């Protein structure tokens, strides 16, 4: 699966993740079966980060053609979040609000 990467000045490589961090509708979490591809989609990431003219309409058109039966309710709130390459994470969703939980930042308890 193709992902968009950027390298910070420190040399750390970051990967773009697409989420909707607001209540309403989720992006990948509300599109079962297509979620992982939608999380990393390079076309959507590039359109969102570069914001060319009519970029939202271009994302809508691209996604409608690329993903069968996609729900685009979260499109207006869609954002790019950068996390370190190779980092394990999950998307948590509540009422459309998506957030990223990074495995190395979770404090596990022991019974």
PDB file of N, CA and C in Angstrom:
ATOM      1  N   UNK A   1       0.847  -1.168   0.000  1.00  0.00           N
ATOM      2  CA  UNK A   1       0.000   0.000   0.000  1.00  0.00           C
ATOM      3  C   UNK A   1       0.895   1.235   0.000  1.00  0.00           C
ATOM      4  N   UNK A   2       0.612   2.126  -0.907  1.00  0.00           N
ATOM      5  CA  UNK A   2       1.399   3.355  -1.035  1.00  0.00           C
ATOM      6  C   UNK A   2       1.011   4.345   0.066  1.00  0.00           C
ATOM      7  N   UNK A   3       2.042   4.976   0.646  1.00  0.00           N
ATOM      8  CA  UNK A   3       1.837   5.957   1.706  1.00  0.00           C
ATOM      9  C   UNK A   3       2.670   7.193   1.402  1.00  0.00           C
ATOM     10  N   UNK A   4       2.200   8.339   1.895  1.00  0.00           N
ATOM     11  CA  UNK A   4       2.947   9.579   1.733  1.00  0.00           C
ATOM     12  C   UNK A   4       3.863   9.734   2.944  1.00  0.00           C
ATOM     13  N   UNK A   5       5.145   9.973   2.662  1.00  0.00           N
ATOM     14  CA  UNK A   5       6.127  10.146   3.721  1.00  0.00           C
ATOM     15  C   UNK A   5       6.816  11.496   3.583  1.00  0.00           C
ATOM     16  N   UNK A   6       7.292  12.011   4.715  1.00  0.00           N
ATOM     17  CA  UNK A   6       8.139  13.199   4.693  1.00  0.00           C
ATOM     18  C   UNK A   6       9.198  13.001   5.774  1.00  0.00           C
ATOM     19  N   UNK A   7      10.343  13.601   5.552  1.00  0.00           N
ATOM     20  CA  UNK A   7      11.442  13.475   6.501  1.00  0.00           C
ATOM     21  C   UNK A   7      11.632  14.802   7.227  1.00  0.00           C
ATOM     22  N   UNK A   8      11.631  14.728   8.552  1.00  0.00           N
ATOM     23  CA  UNK A   8      11.851  15.924   9.359  1.00  0.00           C
ATOM     24  C   UNK A   8      13.340  16.270   9.344  1.00  0.00           C
ATOM     25  N   UNK A   9      13.662  17.473   9.760  1.00  0.00           N
ATOM     26  CA  UNK A   9      15.061  17.902   9.816  1.00  0.00           C
ATOM     27  C   UNK A   9      15.918  16.970  10.668  1.00  0.00           C
ATOM     28  N   UNK A  10      15.307  16.359  11.660  1.00  0.00           N
ATOM     29  CA  UNK A  10      16.023  15.443  12.543  1.00  0.00           C
ATOM     30  C   UNK A  10      16.359  14.123  11.851  1.00  0.00           C
ATOM     31  N   UNK A  11      15.761  13.919  10.664  1.00  0.00           N
ATOM     32  CA  UNK A  11      15.965  12.680   9.935  1.00  0.00           C
ATOM     33  C   UNK A  11      14.852  11.668  10.147  1.00  0.00           C
ATOM     34  N   UNK A  12      13.954  11.950  11.079  1.00  0.00           N
ATOM     35  CA  UNK A  12      12.843  11.037  11.342  1.00  0.00           C
ATOM     36  C   UNK A  12      11.847  11.071  10.180  1.00  0.00           C
ATOM     37  N   UNK A  13      11.453   9.893   9.720  1.00  0.00           N
ATOM     38  CA  UNK A  13      10.496   9.778   8.621  1.00  0.00           C
ATOM     39  C   UNK A  13       9.089   9.680   9.211  1.00  0.00           C
ATOM     40  N   UNK A  14       8.195  10.498   8.687  1.00  0.00           N
ATOM     41  CA  UNK A  14       6.810  10.544   9.142  1.00  0.00           C
ATOM     42  C   UNK A  14       5.892  10.069   8.017  1.00  0.00           C
ATOM     43  N   UNK A  15       4.759   9.482   8.393  1.00  0.00           N
ATOM     44  CA  UNK A  15       3.775   8.975   7.442  1.00  0.00           C
ATOM     45  C   UNK A  15       2.460   9.726   7.641  1.00  0.00           C
ATOM     46  N   UNK A  16       1.813  10.090   6.542  1.00  0.00           N
ATOM     47  CA  UNK A  16       0.539  10.814   6.586  1.00  0.00           C
ATOM     48  C   UNK A  16      -0.616   9.852   6.865  1.00  0.00           C
ATOM     49  N   UNK A  17      -1.470  10.250   7.814  1.00  0.00           N
ATOM     50  CA  UNK A  17      -2.671   9.507   8.169  1.00  0.00           C
ATOM     51  C   UNK A  17      -3.846  10.466   8.021  1.00  0.00           C
ATOM     52  N   UNK A  18      -4.940  10.000   7.425  1.00  0.00           N
ATOM     53  CA  UNK A  18      -6.137  10.824   7.238  1.00  0.00           C
ATOM     54  C   UNK A  18      -7.181  10.481   8.296  1.00  0.00           C
ATOM     55  N   UNK A  19      -7.619  11.502   9.044  1.00  0.00           N
ATOM     56  CA  UNK A  19      -8.661  11.306  10.053  1.00  0.00           C
ATOM     57  C   UNK A  19      -9.610  12.505  10.059  1.00  0.00           C
ATOM     58  N   UNK A  20     -10.771  12.289  10.677  1.00  0.00           N
ATOM     59  CA  UNK A  20     -11.703  13.398  10.922  1.00  0.00           C
ATOM     60  C   UNK A  20     -11.768  13.614  12.432  1.00  0.00           C
ATOM     61  N   UNK A  21     -11.014  14.598  12.941  1.00  0.00           N
ATOM     62  CA  UNK A  21     -10.970  14.831  14.382  1.00  0.00           C
ATOM     63  C   UNK A  21     -12.070  15.768  14.873  1.00  0.00           C
ATOM     64  N   UNK A  22     -13.295  15.473  14.483  1.00  0.00           N
ATOM     65  CA  UNK A  22     -14.434  16.251  14.970  1.00  0.00           C
ATOM     66  C   UNK A  22     -15.670  15.362  14.910  1.00  0.00           C
ATOM     67  N   UNK A  23     -16.658  15.692  15.700  1.00  0.00           N
ATOM     68  CA  UNK A  23     -17.879  14.892  15.750  1.00  0.00           C
ATOM     69  C   UNK A  23     -18.665  15.042  14.456  1.00  0.00           C
ATOM     70  N   UNK A  24     -19.371  14.004  14.103  1.00  0.00           N
ATOM     71  CA  UNK A  24     -20.200  14.017  12.898  1.00  0.00           C
ATOM     72  C   UNK A  24     -20.090  12.699  12.171  1.00  0.00           C
ATOM     73  N   UNK A  25     -19.054  12.541  11.372  1.00  0.00           N
ATOM     74  CA  UNK A  25     -18.859  11.296  10.615  1.00  0.00           C
ATOM     75  C   UNK A  25     -17.372  10.998  10.528  1.00  0.00           C
ATOM     76  N   UNK A  26     -17.028   9.742  10.682  1.00  0.00           N
ATOM     77  CA  UNK A  26     -15.635   9.333  10.569  1.00  0.00           C
ATOM     78  C   UNK A  26     -15.219   9.176   9.116  1.00  0.00           C
ATOM     79  N   UNK A  27     -13.936   9.121   8.881  1.00  0.00           N
ATOM     80  CA  UNK A  27     -13.397   8.936   7.534  1.00  0.00           C
ATOM     81  C   UNK A  27     -13.172   7.457   7.272  1.00  0.00           C
ATOM     82  N   UNK A  28     -12.110   6.909   7.780  1.00  0.00           N
ATOM     83  CA  UNK A  28     -11.844   5.491   7.550  1.00  0.00           C
ATOM     84  C   UNK A  28     -12.743   4.603   8.409  1.00  0.00           C
ATOM     85  N   UNK A  29     -13.079   5.057   9.610  1.00  0.00           N
ATOM     86  CA  UNK A  29     -13.869   4.231  10.522  1.00  0.00           C
ATOM     87  C   UNK A  29     -15.315   4.045  10.060  1.00  0.00           C
ATOM     88  N   UNK A  30     -15.796   4.906   9.210  1.00  0.00           N
ATOM     89  CA  UNK A  30     -17.169   4.792   8.736  1.00  0.00           C
ATOM     90  C   UNK A  30     -17.244   4.207   7.325  1.00  0.00           C
ATOM     91  N   UNK A  31     -16.161   3.674   6.843  1.00  0.00           N
ATOM     92  CA  UNK A  31     -16.130   3.066   5.509  1.00  0.00           C
ATOM     93  C   UNK A  31     -15.526   1.666   5.597  1.00  0.00           C
ATOM     94  N   UNK A  32     -16.317   0.749   6.130  1.00  0.00           N
ATOM     95  CA  UNK A  32     -15.871  -0.627   6.339  1.00  0.00           C
ATOM     96  C   UNK A  32     -15.351  -1.249   5.056  1.00  0.00           C
ATOM     97  N   UNK A  33     -14.277  -2.005   5.195  1.00  0.00           N
ATOM     98  CA  UNK A  33     -13.701  -2.706   4.054  1.00  0.00           C
ATOM     99  C   UNK A  33     -12.759  -1.853   3.225  1.00  0.00           C
ATOM    100  N   UNK A  34     -12.800  -0.552   3.410  1.00  0.00           N
ATOM    101  CA  UNK A  34     -11.940   0.357   2.655  1.00  0.00           C
ATOM    102  C   UNK A  34     -11.110   1.222   3.583  1.00  0.00           C
ATOM    103  N   UNK A  35     -11.279   1.008   4.885  1.00  0.00           N
ATOM    104  CA  UNK A  35     -10.686   1.873   5.888  1.00  0.00           C
ATOM    105  C   UNK A  35      -9.191   2.046   5.793  1.00  0.00           C
ATOM    106  N   UNK A  36      -8.437   0.936   5.669  1.00  0.00           N
ATOM    107  CA  UNK A  36      -6.980   1.063   5.670  1.00  0.00           C
ATOM    108  C   UNK A  36      -6.492   1.831   4.449  1.00  0.00           C
ATOM    109  N   UNK A  37      -7.076   1.550   3.301  1.00  0.00           N
ATOM    110  CA  UNK A  37      -6.670   2.274   2.094  1.00  0.00           C
ATOM    111  C   UNK A  37      -7.013   3.762   2.214  1.00  0.00           C
ATOM    112  N   UNK A  38      -8.174   4.067   2.795  1.00  0.00           N
ATOM    113  CA  UNK A  38      -8.574   5.462   2.982  1.00  0.00           C
ATOM    114  C   UNK A  38      -7.693   6.189   3.987  1.00  0.00           C
ATOM    115  N   UNK A  39      -7.147   5.477   4.949  1.00  0.00           N
ATOM    116  CA  UNK A  39      -6.257   6.084   5.941  1.00  0.00           C
ATOM    117  C   UNK A  39      -5.024   6.714   5.317  1.00  0.00           C
ATOM    118  N   UNK A  40      -4.497   6.062   4.271  1.00  0.00           N
ATOM    119  CA  UNK A  40      -3.212   6.446   3.702  1.00  0.00           C
ATOM    120  C   UNK A  40      -3.288   7.003   2.280  1.00  0.00           C
ATOM    121  N   UNK A  41      -4.448   7.122   1.686  1.00  0.00           N
ATOM    122  CA  UNK A  41      -4.581   7.420   0.261  1.00  0.00           C
ATOM    123  C   UNK A  41      -3.729   8.624  -0.166  1.00  0.00           C
ATOM    124  N   UNK A  42      -2.697   8.396  -1.003  1.00  0.00           N
ATOM    125  CA  UNK A  42      -1.784   9.470  -1.400  1.00  0.00           C
ATOM    126  C   UNK A  42      -2.452  10.604  -2.177  1.00  0.00           C
ATOM    127  N   UNK A  43      -3.431  10.292  -2.992  1.00  0.00           N
ATOM    128  CA  UNK A  43      -4.106  11.332  -3.766  1.00  0.00           C
ATOM    129  C   UNK A  43      -4.836  12.290  -2.836  1.00  0.00           C
ATOM    130  N   UNK A  44      -5.555  11.743  -1.865  1.00  0.00           N
ATOM    131  CA  UNK A  44      -6.294  12.572  -0.922  1.00  0.00           C
ATOM    132  C   UNK A  44      -5.318  13.375  -0.051  1.00  0.00           C
ATOM    133  N   UNK A  45      -4.258  12.724   0.430  1.00  0.00           N
ATOM    134  CA  UNK A  45      -3.258  13.426   1.249  1.00  0.00           C
ATOM    135  C   UNK A  45      -2.680  14.602   0.474  1.00  0.00           C
ATOM    136  N   UNK A  46      -2.278  14.377  -0.768  1.00  0.00           N
ATOM    137  CA  UNK A  46      -1.667  15.438  -1.568  1.00  0.00           C
ATOM    138  C   UNK A  46      -2.637  16.579  -1.853  1.00  0.00           C
ATOM    139  N   UNK A  47      -3.878  16.259  -2.161  1.00  0.00           N
ATOM    140  CA  UNK A  47      -4.859  17.321  -2.396  1.00  0.00           C
ATOM    141  C   UNK A  47      -5.113  18.131  -1.127  1.00  0.00           C
ATOM    142  N   UNK A  48      -5.206  17.459   0.012  1.00  0.00           N
ATOM    143  CA  UNK A  48      -5.445  18.174   1.271  1.00  0.00           C
ATOM    144  C   UNK A  48      -4.266  19.044   1.685  1.00  0.00           C
ATOM    145  N   UNK A  49      -3.055  18.555   1.498  1.00  0.00           N
ATOM    146  CA  UNK A  49      -1.894  19.324   1.937  1.00  0.00           C
ATOM    147  C   UNK A  49      -1.551  20.461   0.981  1.00  0.00           C
ATOM    148  N   UNK A  50      -1.794  20.270  -0.312  1.00  0.00           N
ATOM    149  CA  UNK A  50      -1.461  21.298  -1.296  1.00  0.00           C
ATOM    150  C   UNK A  50      -2.605  22.285  -1.525  1.00  0.00           C
ATOM    151  N   UNK A  51      -3.825  21.859  -1.301  1.00  0.00           N
ATOM    152  CA  UNK A  51      -5.033  22.667  -1.456  1.00  0.00           C
ATOM    153  C   UNK A  51      -5.089  23.462  -2.761  1.00  0.00           C
ATOM    154  N   UNK A  52      -5.043  22.759  -3.898  1.00  0.00           N
ATOM    155  CA  UNK A  52      -5.211  23.462  -5.170  1.00  0.00           C
ATOM    156  C   UNK A  52      -6.657  23.949  -5.304  1.00  0.00           C
ATOM    157  N   UNK A  53      -6.946  24.760  -6.315  1.00  0.00           N
ATOM    158  CA  UNK A  53      -8.323  25.229  -6.504  1.00  0.00           C
ATOM    159  C   UNK A  53      -9.308  24.057  -6.534  1.00  0.00           C
ATOM    160  N   UNK A  54     -10.426  24.234  -5.875  1.00  0.00           N
ATOM    161  CA  UNK A  54     -11.501  23.236  -5.841  1.00  0.00           C
ATOM    162  C   UNK A  54     -11.034  21.886  -5.283  1.00  0.00           C
ATOM    163  N   UNK A  55     -10.099  21.899  -4.350  1.00  0.00           N
ATOM    164  CA  UNK A  55      -9.529  20.639  -3.871  1.00  0.00           C
ATOM    165  C   UNK A  55     -10.561  19.732  -3.200  1.00  0.00           C
ATOM    166  N   UNK A  56     -11.521  20.281  -2.478  1.00  0.00           N
ATOM    167  CA  UNK A  56     -12.528  19.432  -1.838  1.00  0.00           C
ATOM    168  C   UNK A  56     -13.398  18.734  -2.881  1.00  0.00           C
ATOM    169  N   UNK A  57     -13.783  19.458  -3.899  1.00  0.00           N
ATOM    170  CA  UNK A  57     -14.572  18.840  -4.968  1.00  0.00           C
ATOM    171  C   UNK A  57     -13.741  17.792  -5.698  1.00  0.00           C
ATOM    172  N   UNK A  58     -12.475  18.049  -5.880  1.00  0.00           N
ATOM    173  CA  UNK A  58     -11.590  17.076  -6.537  1.00  0.00           C
ATOM    174  C   UNK A  58     -11.443  15.825  -5.684  1.00  0.00           C
ATOM    175  N   UNK A  59     -11.356  15.976  -4.360  1.00  0.00           N
ATOM    176  CA  UNK A  59     -11.294  14.804  -3.480  1.00  0.00           C
ATOM    177  C   UNK A  59     -12.590  14.020  -3.571  1.00  0.00           C
ATOM    178  N   UNK A  60     -13.714  14.739  -3.538  1.00  0.00           N
ATOM    179  CA  UNK A  60     -15.026  14.080  -3.622  1.00  0.00           C
ATOM    180  C   UNK A  60     -15.152  13.269  -4.913  1.00  0.00           C
ATOM    181  N   UNK A  61     -14.775  13.864  -6.023  1.00  0.00           N
ATOM    182  CA  UNK A  61     -14.863  13.185  -7.315  1.00  0.00           C
ATOM    183  C   UNK A  61     -13.927  11.973  -7.358  1.00  0.00           C
ATOM    184  N   UNK A  62     -12.700  12.149  -6.927  1.00  0.00           N
ATOM    185  CA  UNK A  62     -11.729  11.052  -6.921  1.00  0.00           C
ATOM    186  C   UNK A  62     -12.230   9.886  -6.057  1.00  0.00           C
ATOM    187  N   UNK A  63     -12.683  10.182  -4.841  1.00  0.00           N
ATOM    188  CA  UNK A  63     -13.118   9.120  -3.931  1.00  0.00           C
ATOM    189  C   UNK A  63     -14.354   8.394  -4.444  1.00  0.00           C
ATOM    190  N   UNK A  64     -15.262   9.131  -5.054  1.00  0.00           N
ATOM    191  CA  UNK A  64     -16.460   8.514  -5.615  1.00  0.00           C
ATOM    192  C   UNK A  64     -16.100   7.529  -6.726  1.00  0.00           C
ATOM    193  N   UNK A  65     -15.095   7.873  -7.519  1.00  0.00           N
ATOM    194  CA  UNK A  65     -14.652   6.985  -8.597  1.00  0.00           C
ATOM    195  C   UNK A  65     -13.796   5.829  -8.084  1.00  0.00           C
ATOM    196  N   UNK A  66     -12.971   6.079  -7.083  1.00  0.00           N
ATOM    197  CA  UNK A  66     -11.998   5.099  -6.599  1.00  0.00           C
ATOM    198  C   UNK A  66     -12.569   4.074  -5.611  1.00  0.00           C
ATOM    199  N   UNK A  67     -13.527   4.498  -4.807  1.00  0.00           N
ATOM    200  CA  UNK A  67     -14.056   3.652  -3.733  1.00  0.00           C
ATOM    201  C   UNK A  67     -15.554   3.407  -3.917  1.00  0.00           C
ATOM    202  N   UNK A  68     -15.918   2.175  -4.209  1.00  0.00           N
ATOM    203  CA  UNK A  68     -17.350   1.880  -4.374  1.00  0.00           C
ATOM    204  C   UNK A  68     -18.104   2.073  -3.052  1.00  0.00           C
ATOM    205  N   UNK A  69     -19.249   2.679  -3.119  1.00  0.00           N
ATOM    206  CA  UNK A  69     -20.133   2.861  -1.964  1.00  0.00           C
ATOM    207  C   UNK A  69     -19.500   3.647  -0.817  1.00  0.00           C
ATOM    208  N   UNK A  70     -18.622   4.584  -1.103  1.00  0.00           N
ATOM    209  CA  UNK A  70     -17.983   5.365  -0.047  1.00  0.00           C
ATOM    210  C   UNK A  70     -18.973   6.325   0.585  1.00  0.00           C
ATOM    211  N   UNK A  71     -18.836   6.495   1.889  1.00  0.00           N
ATOM    212  CA  UNK A  71     -19.612   7.498   2.607  1.00  0.00           C
ATOM    213  C   UNK A  71     -18.687   8.683   2.854  1.00  0.00           C
ATOM    214  N   UNK A  72     -19.036   9.844   2.348  1.00  0.00           N
ATOM    215  CA  UNK A  72     -18.173  11.015   2.413  1.00  0.00           C
ATOM    216  C   UNK A  72     -18.608  12.032   3.465  1.00  0.00           C
ATOM    217  N   UNK A  73     -19.353  11.576   4.461  1.00  0.00           N
ATOM    218  CA  UNK A  73     -19.838  12.483   5.499  1.00  0.00           C
ATOM    219  C   UNK A  73     -18.742  13.190   6.271  1.00  0.00           C
ATOM    220  N   UNK A  74     -17.568  12.578   6.403  1.00  0.00           N
ATOM    221  CA  UNK A  74     -16.488  13.190   7.156  1.00  0.00           C
ATOM    222  C   UNK A  74     -15.542  14.035   6.332  1.00  0.00           C
ATOM    223  N   UNK A  75     -15.807  14.177   5.051  1.00  0.00           N
ATOM    224  CA  UNK A  75     -14.874  14.852   4.152  1.00  0.00           C
ATOM    225  C   UNK A  75     -14.574  16.298   4.554  1.00  0.00           C
ATOM    226  N   UNK A  76     -15.563  17.046   4.934  1.00  0.00           N
ATOM    227  CA  UNK A  76     -15.363  18.475   5.221  1.00  0.00           C
ATOM    228  C   UNK A  76     -14.424  18.716   6.406  1.00  0.00           C
ATOM    229  N   UNK A  77     -14.314  17.752   7.316  1.00  0.00           N
ATOM    230  CA  UNK A  77     -13.461  17.901   8.497  1.00  0.00           C
ATOM    231  C   UNK A  77     -12.161  17.116   8.390  1.00  0.00           C
ATOM    232  N   UNK A  78     -11.902  16.548   7.253  1.00  0.00           N
ATOM    233  CA  UNK A  78     -10.743  15.677   7.062  1.00  0.00           C
ATOM    234  C   UNK A  78      -9.431  16.432   7.261  1.00  0.00           C
ATOM    235  N   UNK A  79      -8.495  15.803   7.975  1.00  0.00           N
ATOM    236  CA  UNK A  79      -7.179  16.390   8.230  1.00  0.00           C
ATOM    237  C   UNK A  79      -6.084  15.349   8.028  1.00  0.00           C
ATOM    238  N   UNK A  80      -4.876  15.834   7.776  1.00  0.00           N
ATOM    239  CA  UNK A  80      -3.698  14.983   7.683  1.00  0.00           C
ATOM    240  C   UNK A  80      -2.946  15.087   9.003  1.00  0.00           C
ATOM    241  N   UNK A  81      -2.635  13.942   9.591  1.00  0.00           N
ATOM    242  CA  UNK A  81      -1.841  13.864  10.811  1.00  0.00           C
ATOM    243  C   UNK A  81      -0.607  13.043  10.471  1.00  0.00           C
ATOM    244  N   UNK A  82       0.551  13.469  10.968  1.00  0.00           N
ATOM    245  CA  UNK A  82       1.814  12.785  10.661  1.00  0.00           C
ATOM    246  C   UNK A  82       2.282  12.001  11.877  1.00  0.00           C
ATOM    247  N   UNK A  83       2.562  10.695  11.669  1.00  0.00           N
ATOM    248  CA  UNK A  83       3.092   9.873  12.746  1.00  0.00           C
ATOM    249  C   UNK A  83       4.390   9.213  12.278  1.00  0.00           C
ATOM    250  N   UNK A  84       5.262   8.829  13.212  1.00  0.00           N
ATOM    251  CA  UNK A  84       6.544   8.229  12.833  1.00  0.00           C
ATOM    252  C   UNK A  84       6.368   6.925  12.049  1.00  0.00           C
ATOM    253  N   UNK A  85       7.147   6.785  11.003  1.00  0.00           N
ATOM    254  CA  UNK A  85       7.105   5.577  10.180  1.00  0.00           C
ATOM    255  C   UNK A  85       7.438   4.368  11.052  1.00  0.00           C
ATOM    256  N   UNK A  86       6.683   3.310  10.873  1.00  0.00           N
ATOM    257  CA  UNK A  86       6.899   2.077  11.607  1.00  0.00           C
ATOM    258  C   UNK A  86       6.191   2.012  12.949  1.00  0.00           C
ATOM    259  N   UNK A  87       5.576   3.101  13.366  1.00  0.00           N
ATOM    260  CA  UNK A  87       4.874   3.149  14.652  1.00  0.00           C
ATOM    261  C   UNK A  87       3.538   2.422  14.527  1.00  0.00           C
ATOM    262  N   UNK A  88       3.235   1.536  15.467  1.00  0.00           N
ATOM    263  CA  UNK A  88       1.940   0.852  15.489  1.00  0.00           C
ATOM    264  C   UNK A  88       0.896   1.793  16.087  1.00  0.00           C
ATOM    265  N   UNK A  89      -0.292   1.796  15.495  1.00  0.00           N
ATOM    266  CA  UNK A  89      -1.344   2.697  15.967  1.00  0.00           C
ATOM    267  C   UNK A  89      -2.704   2.109  15.662  1.00  0.00           C
ATOM    268  N   UNK A  90      -3.716   2.651  16.295  1.00  0.00           N
ATOM    269  CA  UNK A  90      -5.107   2.326  15.980  1.00  0.00           C
ATOM    270  C   UNK A  90      -5.878   3.638  15.853  1.00  0.00           C
ATOM    271  N   UNK A  91      -6.977   3.569  15.129  1.00  0.00           N
ATOM    272  CA  UNK A  91      -7.905   4.696  15.046  1.00  0.00           C
ATOM    273  C   UNK A  91      -9.048   4.400  16.002  1.00  0.00           C
ATOM    274  N   UNK A  92      -9.271   5.306  16.934  1.00  0.00           N
ATOM    275  CA  UNK A  92     -10.421   5.188  17.818  1.00  0.00           C
ATOM    276  C   UNK A  92     -11.473   6.166  17.326  1.00  0.00           C
ATOM    277  N   UNK A  93     -12.718   5.754  17.396  1.00  0.00           N
ATOM    278  CA  UNK A  93     -13.805   6.592  16.882  1.00  0.00           C
ATOM    279  C   UNK A  93     -14.945   6.617  17.878  1.00  0.00           C
ATOM    280  N   UNK A  94     -15.473   7.806  18.118  1.00  0.00           N
ATOM    281  CA  UNK A  94     -16.670   7.973  18.927  1.00  0.00           C
ATOM    282  C   UNK A  94     -17.524   9.046  18.271  1.00  0.00           C
ATOM    283  N   UNK A  95     -18.708   8.659  17.831  1.00  0.00           N
ATOM    284  CA  UNK A  95     -19.657   9.590  17.220  1.00  0.00           C
ATOM    285  C   UNK A  95     -19.022  10.365  16.060  1.00  0.00           C
ATOM    286  N   UNK A  96     -18.188   9.668  15.288  1.00  0.00           N
ATOM    287  CA  UNK A  96     -17.548  10.282  14.132  1.00  0.00           C
ATOM    288  C   UNK A  96     -16.197  10.908  14.427  1.00  0.00           C
ATOM    289  N   UNK A  97     -15.911  11.185  15.689  1.00  0.00           N
ATOM    290  CA  UNK A  97     -14.644  11.808  16.087  1.00  0.00           C
ATOM    291  C   UNK A  97     -13.550  10.739  16.089  1.00  0.00           C
ATOM    292  N   UNK A  98     -12.608  10.852  15.169  1.00  0.00           N
ATOM    293  CA  UNK A  98     -11.514   9.888  15.085  1.00  0.00           C
ATOM    294  C   UNK A  98     -10.266  10.452  15.760  1.00  0.00           C
ATOM    295  N   UNK A  99      -9.576   9.589  16.478  1.00  0.00           N
ATOM    296  CA  UNK A  99      -8.301   9.965  17.088  1.00  0.00           C
ATOM    297  C   UNK A  99      -7.330   8.809  16.901  1.00  0.00           C
ATOM    298  N   UNK A 100      -6.052   9.129  17.009  1.00  0.00           N
ATOM    299  CA  UNK A 100      -5.009   8.131  16.814  1.00  0.00           C
ATOM    300  C   UNK A 100      -4.438   7.761  18.178  1.00  0.00           C
ATOM    301  N   UNK A 101      -4.349   6.454  18.447  1.00  0.00           N
ATOM    302  CA  UNK A 101      -3.670   5.951  19.644  1.00  0.00           C
ATOM    303  C   UNK A 101      -2.405   5.252  19.176  1.00  0.00           C
ATOM    304  N   UNK A 102      -1.268   5.764  19.616  1.00  0.00           N
ATOM    305  CA  UNK A 102       0.020   5.191  19.239  1.00  0.00           C
ATOM    306  C   UNK A 102       0.438   4.194  20.312  1.00  0.00           C
ATOM    307  N   UNK A 103       0.784   2.989  19.860  1.00  0.00           N
ATOM    308  CA  UNK A 103       1.061   1.887  20.781  1.00  0.00           C
ATOM    309  C   UNK A 103       2.149   2.226  21.799  1.00  0.00           C
ATOM    310  N   UNK A 104       3.212   2.858  21.376  1.00  0.00           N
ATOM    311  CA  UNK A 104       4.318   3.134  22.298  1.00  0.00           C
ATOM    312  C   UNK A 104       3.961   4.174  23.353  1.00  0.00           C
ATOM    313  N   UNK A 105       2.847   4.873  23.185  1.00  0.00           N
ATOM    314  CA  UNK A 105       2.438   5.895  24.149  1.00  0.00           C
ATOM    315  C   UNK A 105       1.362   5.406  25.122  1.00  0.00           C
ATOM    316  N   UNK A 106       0.958   4.138  24.978  1.00  0.00           N
ATOM    317  CA  UNK A 106      -0.052   3.574  25.864  1.00  0.00           C
ATOM    318  C   UNK A 106       0.636   2.999  27.090  1.00  0.00           C
ATOM    319  N   UNK A 107       0.165   3.390  28.263  1.00  0.00           N
ATOM    320  CA  UNK A 107       0.703   2.843  29.500  1.00  0.00           C
ATOM    321  C   UNK A 107      -0.127   1.635  29.881  1.00  0.00           C
ATOM    322  N   UNK A 108       0.444   0.464  29.704  1.00  0.00           N
ATOM    323  CA  UNK A 108      -0.257  -0.786  29.996  1.00  0.00           C
ATOM    324  C   UNK A 108      -0.217  -1.077  31.488  1.00  0.00           C
ATOM    325  N   UNK A 109      -1.265  -1.693  31.988  1.00  0.00           N
ATOM    326  CA  UNK A 109      -1.342  -2.131  33.387  1.00  0.00           C
ATOM    327  C   UNK A 109      -1.135  -3.631  33.426  1.00  0.00           C
ATOM    328  N   UNK A 110      -0.623  -4.112  34.541  1.00  0.00           N
ATOM    329  CA  UNK A 110      -0.406  -5.545  34.715  1.00  0.00           C
ATOM    330  C   UNK A 110      -1.231  -6.029  35.890  1.00  0.00           C
ATOM    331  N   UNK A 111      -1.922  -7.133  35.694  1.00  0.00           N
ATOM    332  CA  UNK A 111      -2.751  -7.711  36.770  1.00  0.00           C
ATOM    333  C   UNK A 111      -1.885  -8.478  37.752  1.00  0.00           C
TER     334      UNK A 111
END
